[in-house]
Amino acid sequence: MIEYPPVEGPQGTLAKVIDYEILEVGYYENNEVSYFTEPKTVNITQTTSPIEITIEVSNMHPEYSPVCVYATAFNETTGITTWSEEGCELGSVSDA
């Protein structure tokens, strides 16, 4: 996982940006778990099933309204990231 510098959002809120990949570390068969020697990157394409990602956040201001977005492009020259909400749904926000 890569963590990028915080991004300032509306009302001066700071949002952390992370980059991740989904890894397959083994498989389950006949009531046994077998682990690979090396994790394999999972490339998800053309799925109709939703993928749920849970992120724990501490010390979130009660007035903050998070949104679900993902980076579609990053310009290394200007440092500007293009974000999209398309196909991304924030399921819920709750106190830990």
PDB file of N, CA and C in Angstrom:
ATOM      1  N   MET A   1       0.849  -1.169   0.000  1.00  0.00           N
ATOM      2  CA  MET A   1       0.000   0.000   0.000  1.00  0.00           C
ATOM      3  C   MET A   1       0.895   1.233   0.000  1.00  0.00           C
ATOM      4  N   ILE A   2       0.532   2.211  -0.796  1.00  0.00           N
ATOM      5  CA  ILE A   2       1.257   3.470  -0.867  1.00  0.00           C
ATOM      6  C   ILE A   2       0.359   4.550  -0.293  1.00  0.00           C
ATOM      7  N   GLU A   3       0.900   5.384   0.586  1.00  0.00           N
ATOM      8  CA  GLU A   3       0.132   6.506   1.120  1.00  0.00           C
ATOM      9  C   GLU A   3       0.715   7.791   0.558  1.00  0.00           C
ATOM     10  N   TYR A   4      -0.152   8.617  -0.015  1.00  0.00           N
ATOM     11  CA  TYR A   4       0.258   9.870  -0.634  1.00  0.00           C
ATOM     12  C   TYR A   4       0.045  11.026   0.336  1.00  0.00           C
ATOM     13  N   PRO A   5       0.615  12.203   0.044  1.00  0.00           N
ATOM     14  CA  PRO A   5       0.384  13.357   0.919  1.00  0.00           C
ATOM     15  C   PRO A   5      -1.111  13.664   1.008  1.00  0.00           C
ATOM     16  N   PRO A   6      -1.573  14.181   2.172  1.00  0.00           N
ATOM     17  CA  PRO A   6      -2.994  14.503   2.320  1.00  0.00           C
ATOM     18  C   PRO A   6      -3.454  15.529   1.290  1.00  0.00           C
ATOM     19  N   VAL A   7      -4.729  15.420   0.928  1.00  0.00           N
ATOM     20  CA  VAL A   7      -5.346  16.340  -0.020  1.00  0.00           C
ATOM     21  C   VAL A   7      -6.323  17.205   0.761  1.00  0.00           C
ATOM     22  N   GLU A   8      -6.275  18.523   0.546  1.00  0.00           N
ATOM     23  CA  GLU A   8      -7.208  19.410   1.242  1.00  0.00           C
ATOM     24  C   GLU A   8      -8.528  19.430   0.504  1.00  0.00           C
ATOM     25  N   GLY A   9      -9.587  19.180   1.239  1.00  0.00           N
ATOM     26  CA  GLY A   9     -10.923  19.151   0.662  1.00  0.00           C
ATOM     27  C   GLY A   9     -11.740  20.350   1.081  1.00  0.00           C
ATOM     28  N   PRO A  10     -13.055  20.266   0.874  1.00  0.00           N
ATOM     29  CA  PRO A  10     -13.943  21.365   1.250  1.00  0.00           C
ATOM     30  C   PRO A  10     -13.834  21.684   2.740  1.00  0.00           C
ATOM     31  N   GLN A  11     -14.017  22.924   3.082  1.00  0.00           N
ATOM     32  CA  GLN A  11     -13.964  23.409   4.469  1.00  0.00           C
ATOM     33  C   GLN A  11     -12.639  23.103   5.152  1.00  0.00           C
ATOM     34  N   GLY A  12     -11.568  22.966   4.370  1.00  0.00           N
ATOM     35  CA  GLY A  12     -10.239  22.766   4.939  1.00  0.00           C
ATOM     36  C   GLY A  12      -9.980  21.376   5.489  1.00  0.00           C
ATOM     37  N   THR A  13     -10.855  20.416   5.199  1.00  0.00           N
ATOM     38  CA  THR A  13     -10.632  19.056   5.684  1.00  0.00           C
ATOM     39  C   THR A  13      -9.461  18.430   4.932  1.00  0.00           C
ATOM     40  N   LEU A  14      -8.728  17.590   5.615  1.00  0.00           N
ATOM     41  CA  LEU A  14      -7.626  16.874   4.982  1.00  0.00           C
ATOM     42  C   LEU A  14      -8.026  15.429   4.772  1.00  0.00           C
ATOM     43  N   ALA A  15      -7.839  14.937   3.571  1.00  0.00           N
ATOM     44  CA  ALA A  15      -8.167  13.560   3.243  1.00  0.00           C
ATOM     45  C   ALA A  15      -6.890  12.818   2.901  1.00  0.00           C
ATOM     46  N   LYS A  16      -6.766  11.616   3.396  1.00  0.00           N
ATOM     47  CA  LYS A  16      -5.616  10.792   3.049  1.00  0.00           C
ATOM     48  C   LYS A  16      -5.923  10.030   1.777  1.00  0.00           C
ATOM     49  N   VAL A  17      -4.922   9.870   0.963  1.00  0.00           N
ATOM     50  CA  VAL A  17      -5.052   9.149  -0.296  1.00  0.00           C
ATOM     51  C   VAL A  17      -4.169   7.917  -0.203  1.00  0.00           C
ATOM     52  N   ILE A  18      -4.771   6.762  -0.498  1.00  0.00           N
ATOM     53  CA  ILE A  18      -3.995   5.529  -0.473  1.00  0.00           C
ATOM     54  C   ILE A  18      -4.117   4.827  -1.822  1.00  0.00           C
ATOM     55  N   ASP A  19      -3.144   4.044  -2.120  1.00  0.00           N
ATOM     56  CA  ASP A  19      -3.132   3.234  -3.334  1.00  0.00           C
ATOM     57  C   ASP A  19      -2.965   1.791  -2.854  1.00  0.00           C
ATOM     58  N   TYR A  20      -3.723   0.905  -3.398  1.00  0.00           N
ATOM     59  CA  TYR A  20      -3.654  -0.469  -2.933  1.00  0.00           C
ATOM     60  C   TYR A  20      -3.788  -1.421  -4.107  1.00  0.00           C
ATOM     61  N   GLU A  21      -3.498  -2.668  -3.843  1.00  0.00           N
ATOM     62  CA  GLU A  21      -3.776  -3.707  -4.815  1.00  0.00           C
ATOM     63  C   GLU A  21      -4.361  -4.888  -4.056  1.00  0.00           C
ATOM     64  N   ILE A  22      -5.160  -5.675  -4.738  1.00  0.00           N
ATOM     65  CA  ILE A  22      -5.773  -6.841  -4.129  1.00  0.00           C
ATOM     66  C   ILE A  22      -4.905  -8.046  -4.464  1.00  0.00           C
ATOM     67  N   LEU A  23      -4.524  -8.786  -3.421  1.00  0.00           N
ATOM     68  CA  LEU A  23      -3.632  -9.927  -3.594  1.00  0.00           C
ATOM     69  C   LEU A  23      -4.329 -11.222  -3.217  1.00  0.00           C
ATOM     70  N   GLU A  24      -4.059 -12.260  -3.975  1.00  0.00           N
ATOM     71  CA  GLU A  24      -4.511 -13.595  -3.636  1.00  0.00           C
ATOM     72  C   GLU A  24      -3.339 -14.288  -2.952  1.00  0.00           C
ATOM     73  N   VAL A  25      -3.540 -14.736  -1.731  1.00  0.00           N
ATOM     74  CA  VAL A  25      -2.436 -15.311  -0.972  1.00  0.00           C
ATOM     75  C   VAL A  25      -2.519 -16.826  -0.851  1.00  0.00           C
ATOM     76  N   GLY A  26      -3.637 -17.408  -1.310  1.00  0.00           N
ATOM     77  CA  GLY A  26      -3.785 -18.848  -1.229  1.00  0.00           C
ATOM     78  C   GLY A  26      -5.172 -19.256  -1.687  1.00  0.00           C
ATOM     79  N   TYR A  27      -5.563 -20.466  -1.349  1.00  0.00           N
ATOM     80  CA  TYR A  27      -6.879 -20.949  -1.744  1.00  0.00           C
ATOM     81  C   TYR A  27      -7.417 -21.906  -0.683  1.00  0.00           C
ATOM     82  N   TYR A  28      -8.719 -22.081  -0.710  1.00  0.00           N
ATOM     83  CA  TYR A  28      -9.412 -22.946   0.236  1.00  0.00           C
ATOM     84  C   TYR A  28      -9.993 -24.124  -0.529  1.00  0.00           C
ATOM     85  N   GLU A  29      -9.629 -25.342  -0.102  1.00  0.00           N
ATOM     86  CA  GLU A  29     -10.126 -26.529  -0.780  1.00  0.00           C
ATOM     87  C   GLU A  29     -10.208 -27.682   0.225  1.00  0.00           C
ATOM     88  N   ASN A  30     -11.311 -28.400   0.197  1.00  0.00           N
ATOM     89  CA  ASN A  30     -11.493 -29.559   1.086  1.00  0.00           C
ATOM     90  C   ASN A  30     -11.239 -29.203   2.558  1.00  0.00           C
ATOM     91  N   ASN A  31     -11.795 -28.092   2.981  1.00  0.00           N
ATOM     92  CA  ASN A  31     -11.679 -27.629   4.378  1.00  0.00           C
ATOM     93  C   ASN A  31     -10.250 -27.308   4.804  1.00  0.00           C
ATOM     94  N   GLU A  32      -9.369 -27.042   3.839  1.00  0.00           N
ATOM     95  CA  GLU A  32      -7.989 -26.669   4.160  1.00  0.00           C
ATOM     96  C   GLU A  32      -7.590 -25.423   3.400  1.00  0.00           C
ATOM     97  N   VAL A  33      -6.786 -24.591   4.052  1.00  0.00           N
ATOM     98  CA  VAL A  33      -6.251 -23.404   3.407  1.00  0.00           C
ATOM     99  C   VAL A  33      -4.821 -23.707   2.987  1.00  0.00           C
ATOM    100  N   SER A  34      -4.509 -23.449   1.729  1.00  0.00           N
ATOM    101  CA  SER A  34      -3.149 -23.609   1.218  1.00  0.00           C
ATOM    102  C   SER A  34      -2.646 -22.246   0.780  1.00  0.00           C
ATOM    103  N   TYR A  35      -1.448 -21.880   1.193  1.00  0.00           N
ATOM    104  CA  TYR A  35      -0.886 -20.573   0.878  1.00  0.00           C
ATOM    105  C   TYR A  35       0.131 -20.678  -0.248  1.00  0.00           C
ATOM    106  N   PHE A  36       0.111 -19.708  -1.146  1.00  0.00           N
ATOM    107  CA  PHE A  36       1.108 -19.623  -2.208  1.00  0.00           C
ATOM    108  C   PHE A  36       2.444 -19.205  -1.613  1.00  0.00           C
ATOM    109  N   THR A  37       3.529 -19.513  -2.299  1.00  0.00           N
ATOM    110  CA  THR A  37       4.853 -19.056  -1.876  1.00  0.00           C
ATOM    111  C   THR A  37       4.942 -17.538  -1.990  1.00  0.00           C
ATOM    112  N   GLU A  38       4.384 -16.996  -3.056  1.00  0.00           N
ATOM    113  CA  GLU A  38       4.351 -15.545  -3.289  1.00  0.00           C
ATOM    114  C   GLU A  38       2.920 -15.135  -3.591  1.00  0.00           C
ATOM    115  N   PRO A  39       2.449 -14.006  -3.020  1.00  0.00           N
ATOM    116  CA  PRO A  39       1.093 -13.530  -3.344  1.00  0.00           C
ATOM    117  C   PRO A  39       0.972 -13.205  -4.831  1.00  0.00           C
ATOM    118  N   LYS A  40      -0.244 -13.360  -5.356  1.00  0.00           N
ATOM    119  CA  LYS A  40      -0.518 -13.051  -6.756  1.00  0.00           C
ATOM    120  C   LYS A  40      -1.440 -11.839  -6.827  1.00  0.00           C
ATOM    121  N   THR A  41      -1.123 -10.876  -7.696  1.00  0.00           N
ATOM    122  CA  THR A  41      -1.987  -9.721  -7.891  1.00  0.00           C
ATOM    123  C   THR A  41      -3.266 -10.157  -8.586  1.00  0.00           C
ATOM    124  N   VAL A  42      -4.403  -9.719  -8.058  1.00  0.00           N
ATOM    125  CA  VAL A  42      -5.695 -10.041  -8.646  1.00  0.00           C
ATOM    126  C   VAL A  42      -6.114  -8.873  -9.530  1.00  0.00           C
ATOM    127  N   ASN A  43      -6.299  -9.145 -10.809  1.00  0.00           N
ATOM    128  CA  ASN A  43      -6.786  -8.130 -11.737  1.00  0.00           C
ATOM    129  C   ASN A  43      -8.278  -8.360 -11.935  1.00  0.00           C
ATOM    130  N   ILE A  44      -9.066  -7.382 -11.537  1.00  0.00           N
ATOM    131  CA  ILE A  44     -10.517  -7.514 -11.606  1.00  0.00           C
ATOM    132  C   ILE A  44     -11.003  -6.794 -12.853  1.00  0.00           C
ATOM    133  N   THR A  45     -11.657  -7.540 -13.735  1.00  0.00           N
ATOM    134  CA  THR A  45     -12.177  -6.953 -14.963  1.00  0.00           C
ATOM    135  C   THR A  45     -13.572  -7.474 -15.230  1.00  0.00           C
ATOM    136  N   GLN A  46     -14.382  -6.638 -15.795  1.00  0.00           N
ATOM    137  CA  GLN A  46     -15.717  -6.994 -16.280  1.00  0.00           C
ATOM    138  C   GLN A  46     -16.512  -7.829 -15.292  1.00  0.00           C
ATOM    139  N   THR A  47     -16.600  -7.361 -14.060  1.00  0.00           N
ATOM    140  CA  THR A  47     -17.406  -8.059 -13.072  1.00  0.00           C
ATOM    141  C   THR A  47     -18.732  -7.325 -12.881  1.00  0.00           C
ATOM    142  N   THR A  48     -19.762  -8.067 -12.626  1.00  0.00           N
ATOM    143  CA  THR A  48     -21.048  -7.456 -12.310  1.00  0.00           C
ATOM    144  C   THR A  48     -21.282  -7.476 -10.803  1.00  0.00           C
ATOM    145  N   SER A  49     -20.420  -8.146 -10.074  1.00  0.00           N
ATOM    146  CA  SER A  49     -20.540  -8.216  -8.620  1.00  0.00           C
ATOM    147  C   SER A  49     -19.792  -7.048  -7.982  1.00  0.00           C
ATOM    148  N   PRO A  50     -20.379  -6.420  -6.965  1.00  0.00           N
ATOM    149  CA  PRO A  50     -19.683  -5.325  -6.295  1.00  0.00           C
ATOM    150  C   PRO A  50     -18.487  -5.832  -5.494  1.00  0.00           C
ATOM    151  N   ILE A  51     -17.502  -4.983  -5.346  1.00  0.00           N
ATOM    152  CA  ILE A  51     -16.336  -5.282  -4.524  1.00  0.00           C
ATOM    153  C   ILE A  51     -16.417  -4.352  -3.323  1.00  0.00           C
ATOM    154  N   GLU A  52     -16.416  -4.928  -2.137  1.00  0.00           N
ATOM    155  CA  GLU A  52     -16.558  -4.136  -0.919  1.00  0.00           C
ATOM    156  C   GLU A  52     -15.208  -3.979  -0.250  1.00  0.00           C
ATOM    157  N   ILE A  53     -14.850  -2.730   0.036  1.00  0.00           N
ATOM    158  CA  ILE A  53     -13.598  -2.425   0.720  1.00  0.00           C
ATOM    159  C   ILE A  53     -13.961  -1.672   1.989  1.00  0.00           C
ATOM    160  N   THR A  54     -13.446  -2.133   3.125  1.00  0.00           N
ATOM    161  CA  THR A  54     -13.704  -1.490   4.408  1.00  0.00           C
ATOM    162  C   THR A  54     -12.432  -0.795   4.867  1.00  0.00           C
ATOM    163  N   ILE A  55     -12.565   0.481   5.216  1.00  0.00           N
ATOM    164  CA  ILE A  55     -11.424   1.266   5.691  1.00  0.00           C
ATOM    165  C   ILE A  55     -11.785   1.835   7.057  1.00  0.00           C
ATOM    166  N   GLU A  56     -10.965   1.537   8.063  1.00  0.00           N
ATOM    167  CA  GLU A  56     -11.201   2.073   9.400  1.00  0.00           C
ATOM    168  C   GLU A  56     -10.562   3.455   9.504  1.00  0.00           C
ATOM    169  N   VAL A  57     -11.334   4.396  10.029  1.00  0.00           N
ATOM    170  CA  VAL A  57     -10.872   5.771  10.174  1.00  0.00           C
ATOM    171  C   VAL A  57     -11.069   6.190  11.620  1.00  0.00           C
ATOM    172  N   SER A  58     -10.054   6.821  12.205  1.00  0.00           N
ATOM    173  CA  SER A  58     -10.201   7.324  13.571  1.00  0.00           C
ATOM    174  C   SER A  58     -10.154   8.841  13.558  1.00  0.00           C
ATOM    175  N   ASN A  59     -10.751   9.443  14.540  1.00  0.00           N
ATOM    176  CA  ASN A  59     -10.747  10.901  14.732  1.00  0.00           C
ATOM    177  C   ASN A  59     -11.374  11.670  13.578  1.00  0.00           C
ATOM    178  N   MET A  60     -12.405  11.121  12.950  1.00  0.00           N
ATOM    179  CA  MET A  60     -13.083  11.842  11.874  1.00  0.00           C
ATOM    180  C   MET A  60     -14.030  12.865  12.501  1.00  0.00           C
ATOM    181  N   HIS A  61     -13.948  14.101  12.045  1.00  0.00           N
ATOM    182  CA  HIS A  61     -14.792  15.162  12.562  1.00  0.00           C
ATOM    183  C   HIS A  61     -16.252  14.821  12.298  1.00  0.00           C
ATOM    184  N   PRO A  62     -17.154  15.025  13.271  1.00  0.00           N
ATOM    185  CA  PRO A  62     -18.559  14.646  13.095  1.00  0.00           C
ATOM    186  C   PRO A  62     -19.257  15.363  11.942  1.00  0.00           C
ATOM    187  N   GLU A  63     -18.755  16.522  11.541  1.00  0.00           N
ATOM    188  CA  GLU A  63     -19.365  17.289  10.450  1.00  0.00           C
ATOM    189  C   GLU A  63     -18.860  16.850   9.075  1.00  0.00           C
ATOM    190  N   TYR A  64     -17.831  16.004   9.039  1.00  0.00           N
ATOM    191  CA  TYR A  64     -17.219  15.613   7.775  1.00  0.00           C
ATOM    192  C   TYR A  64     -18.119  14.640   7.024  1.00  0.00           C
ATOM    193  N   SER A  65     -18.298  14.858   5.747  1.00  0.00           N
ATOM    194  CA  SER A  65     -19.099  13.975   4.897  1.00  0.00           C
ATOM    195  C   SER A  65     -18.195  13.342   3.844  1.00  0.00           C
ATOM    196  N   PRO A  66     -17.697  12.131   4.092  1.00  0.00           N
ATOM    197  CA  PRO A  66     -16.791  11.501   3.121  1.00  0.00           C
ATOM    198  C   PRO A  66     -17.518  11.144   1.832  1.00  0.00           C
ATOM    199  N   VAL A  67     -16.757  11.030   0.766  1.00  0.00           N
ATOM    200  CA  VAL A  67     -17.285  10.598  -0.524  1.00  0.00           C
ATOM    201  C   VAL A  67     -16.406   9.467  -1.041  1.00  0.00           C
ATOM    202  N   CYS A  68     -16.944   8.671  -1.911  1.00  0.00           N
ATOM    203  CA  CYS A  68     -16.216   7.564  -2.515  1.00  0.00           C
ATOM    204  C   CYS A  68     -15.749   8.003  -3.895  1.00  0.00           C
ATOM    205  N   VAL A  69     -14.449   8.096  -4.084  1.00  0.00           N
ATOM    206  CA  VAL A  69     -13.871   8.482  -5.369  1.00  0.00           C
ATOM    207  C   VAL A  69     -12.641   7.628  -5.633  1.00  0.00           C
ATOM    208  N   TYR A  70     -12.214   7.623  -6.902  1.00  0.00           N
ATOM    209  CA  TYR A  70     -10.971   6.955  -7.245  1.00  0.00           C
ATOM    210  C   TYR A  70     -10.251   7.789  -8.299  1.00  0.00           C
ATOM    211  N   ALA A  71      -8.939   7.661  -8.324  1.00  0.00           N
ATOM    212  CA  ALA A  71      -8.133   8.423  -9.269  1.00  0.00           C
ATOM    213  C   ALA A  71      -8.212   7.783 -10.644  1.00  0.00           C
ATOM    214  N   THR A  72      -8.504   8.606 -11.651  1.00  0.00           N
ATOM    215  CA  THR A  72      -8.534   8.106 -13.025  1.00  0.00           C
ATOM    216  C   THR A  72      -7.293   8.526 -13.801  1.00  0.00           C
ATOM    217  N   ALA A  73      -6.605   9.555 -13.307  1.00  0.00           N
ATOM    218  CA  ALA A  73      -5.376  10.017 -13.973  1.00  0.00           C
ATOM    219  C   ALA A  73      -4.574  10.869 -13.002  1.00  0.00           C
ATOM    220  N   PHE A  74      -3.260  10.887 -13.190  1.00  0.00           N
ATOM    221  CA  PHE A  74      -2.375  11.740 -12.402  1.00  0.00           C
ATOM    222  C   PHE A  74      -1.364  12.367 -13.342  1.00  0.00           C
ATOM    223  N   ASN A  75      -1.282  13.699 -13.323  1.00  0.00           N
ATOM    224  CA  ASN A  75      -0.331  14.429 -14.154  1.00  0.00           C
ATOM    225  C   ASN A  75       0.915  14.694 -13.306  1.00  0.00           C
ATOM    226  N   GLU A  76       2.015  14.000 -13.604  1.00  0.00           N
ATOM    227  CA  GLU A  76       3.233  14.136 -12.808  1.00  0.00           C
ATOM    228  C   GLU A  76       3.856  15.525 -12.933  1.00  0.00           C
ATOM    229  N   THR A  77       3.625  16.210 -14.044  1.00  0.00           N
ATOM    230  CA  THR A  77       4.179  17.550 -14.242  1.00  0.00           C
ATOM    231  C   THR A  77       3.490  18.570 -13.345  1.00  0.00           C
ATOM    232  N   THR A  78       2.164  18.549 -13.323  1.00  0.00           N
ATOM    233  CA  THR A  78       1.411  19.537 -12.539  1.00  0.00           C
ATOM    234  C   THR A  78       1.070  19.047 -11.142  1.00  0.00           C
ATOM    235  N   GLY A  79       1.127  17.732 -10.924  1.00  0.00           N
ATOM    236  CA  GLY A  79       0.750  17.174  -9.630  1.00  0.00           C
ATOM    237  C   GLY A  79      -0.755  17.105  -9.436  1.00  0.00           C
ATOM    238  N   ILE A  80      -1.519  17.274 -10.523  1.00  0.00           N
ATOM    239  CA  ILE A  80      -2.979  17.280 -10.432  1.00  0.00           C
ATOM    240  C   ILE A  80      -3.522  15.875 -10.694  1.00  0.00           C
ATOM    241  N   THR A  81      -4.413  15.446  -9.799  1.00  0.00           N
ATOM    242  CA  THR A  81      -5.077  14.150  -9.937  1.00  0.00           C
ATOM    243  C   THR A  81      -6.499  14.380 -10.401  1.00  0.00           C
ATOM    244  N   THR A  82      -6.958  13.577 -11.348  1.00  0.00           N
ATOM    245  CA  THR A  82      -8.346  13.610 -11.803  1.00  0.00           C
ATOM    246  C   THR A  82      -9.094  12.508 -11.072  1.00  0.00           C
ATOM    247  N   TRP A  83     -10.241  12.860 -10.458  1.00  0.00           N
ATOM    248  CA  TRP A  83     -11.008  11.935  -9.636  1.00  0.00           C
ATOM    249  C   TRP A  83     -12.352  11.642 -10.274  1.00  0.00           C
ATOM    250  N   SER A  84     -12.908  10.458  -9.988  1.00  0.00           N
ATOM    251  CA  SER A  84     -14.227  10.093 -10.484  1.00  0.00           C
ATOM    252  C   SER A  84     -15.016   9.385  -9.387  1.00  0.00           C
ATOM    253  N   GLU A  85     -16.335   9.586  -9.382  1.00  0.00           N
ATOM    254  CA  GLU A  85     -17.230   8.859  -8.486  1.00  0.00           C
ATOM    255  C   GLU A  85     -17.969   7.747  -9.244  1.00  0.00           C
ATOM    256  N   GLU A  86     -17.755   7.661 -10.552  1.00  0.00           N
ATOM    257  CA  GLU A  86     -18.501   6.715 -11.386  1.00  0.00           C
ATOM    258  C   GLU A  86     -18.271   5.272 -10.929  1.00  0.00           C
ATOM    259  N   GLY A  87     -19.362   4.591 -10.616  1.00  0.00           N
ATOM    260  CA  GLY A  87     -19.288   3.201 -10.212  1.00  0.00           C
ATOM    261  C   GLY A  87     -18.811   2.989  -8.795  1.00  0.00           C
ATOM    262  N   CYS A  88     -18.605   4.060  -8.052  1.00  0.00           N
ATOM    263  CA  CYS A  88     -18.106   3.976  -6.688  1.00  0.00           C
ATOM    264  C   CYS A  88     -19.228   4.401  -5.739  1.00  0.00           C
ATOM    265  N   GLU A  89     -19.534   3.572  -4.767  1.00  0.00           N
ATOM    266  CA  GLU A  89     -20.628   3.850  -3.845  1.00  0.00           C
ATOM    267  C   GLU A  89     -20.149   3.756  -2.412  1.00  0.00           C
ATOM    268  N   LEU A  90     -20.416   4.793  -1.623  1.00  0.00           N
ATOM    269  CA  LEU A  90     -20.088   4.779  -0.212  1.00  0.00           C
ATOM    270  C   LEU A  90     -21.229   4.082   0.504  1.00  0.00           C
ATOM    271  N   GLY A  91     -20.967   2.881   1.010  1.00  0.00           N
ATOM    272  CA  GLY A  91     -22.030   2.086   1.616  1.00  0.00           C
ATOM    273  C   GLY A  91     -22.511   2.646   2.933  1.00  0.00           C
ATOM    274  N   SER A  92     -21.584   2.953   3.827  1.00  0.00           N
ATOM    275  CA  SER A  92     -21.971   3.476   5.140  1.00  0.00           C
ATOM    276  C   SER A  92     -20.775   4.095   5.829  1.00  0.00           C
ATOM    277  N   VAL A  93     -21.074   4.935   6.797  1.00  0.00           N
ATOM    278  CA  VAL A  93     -20.066   5.556   7.645  1.00  0.00           C
ATOM    279  C   VAL A  93     -20.569   5.368   9.069  1.00  0.00           C
ATOM    280  N   SER A  94     -19.721   4.828   9.941  1.00  0.00           N
ATOM    281  CA  SER A  94     -20.153   4.645  11.321  1.00  0.00           C
ATOM    282  C   SER A  94     -18.989   4.867  12.266  1.00  0.00           C
ATOM    283  N   ASP A  95     -19.313   5.163  13.508  1.00  0.00           N
ATOM    284  CA  ASP A  95     -18.292   5.309  14.537  1.00  0.00           C
ATOM    285  C   ASP A  95     -17.756   3.941  14.900  1.00  0.00           C
ATOM    286  N   ALA A  96     -16.455   3.897  15.143  1.00  0.00           N
ATOM    287  CA  ALA A  96     -15.833   2.618  15.505  1.00  0.00           C
ATOM    288  C   ALA A  96     -16.191   2.228  16.916  1.00  0.00           C
TER     289      ALA A  96
END
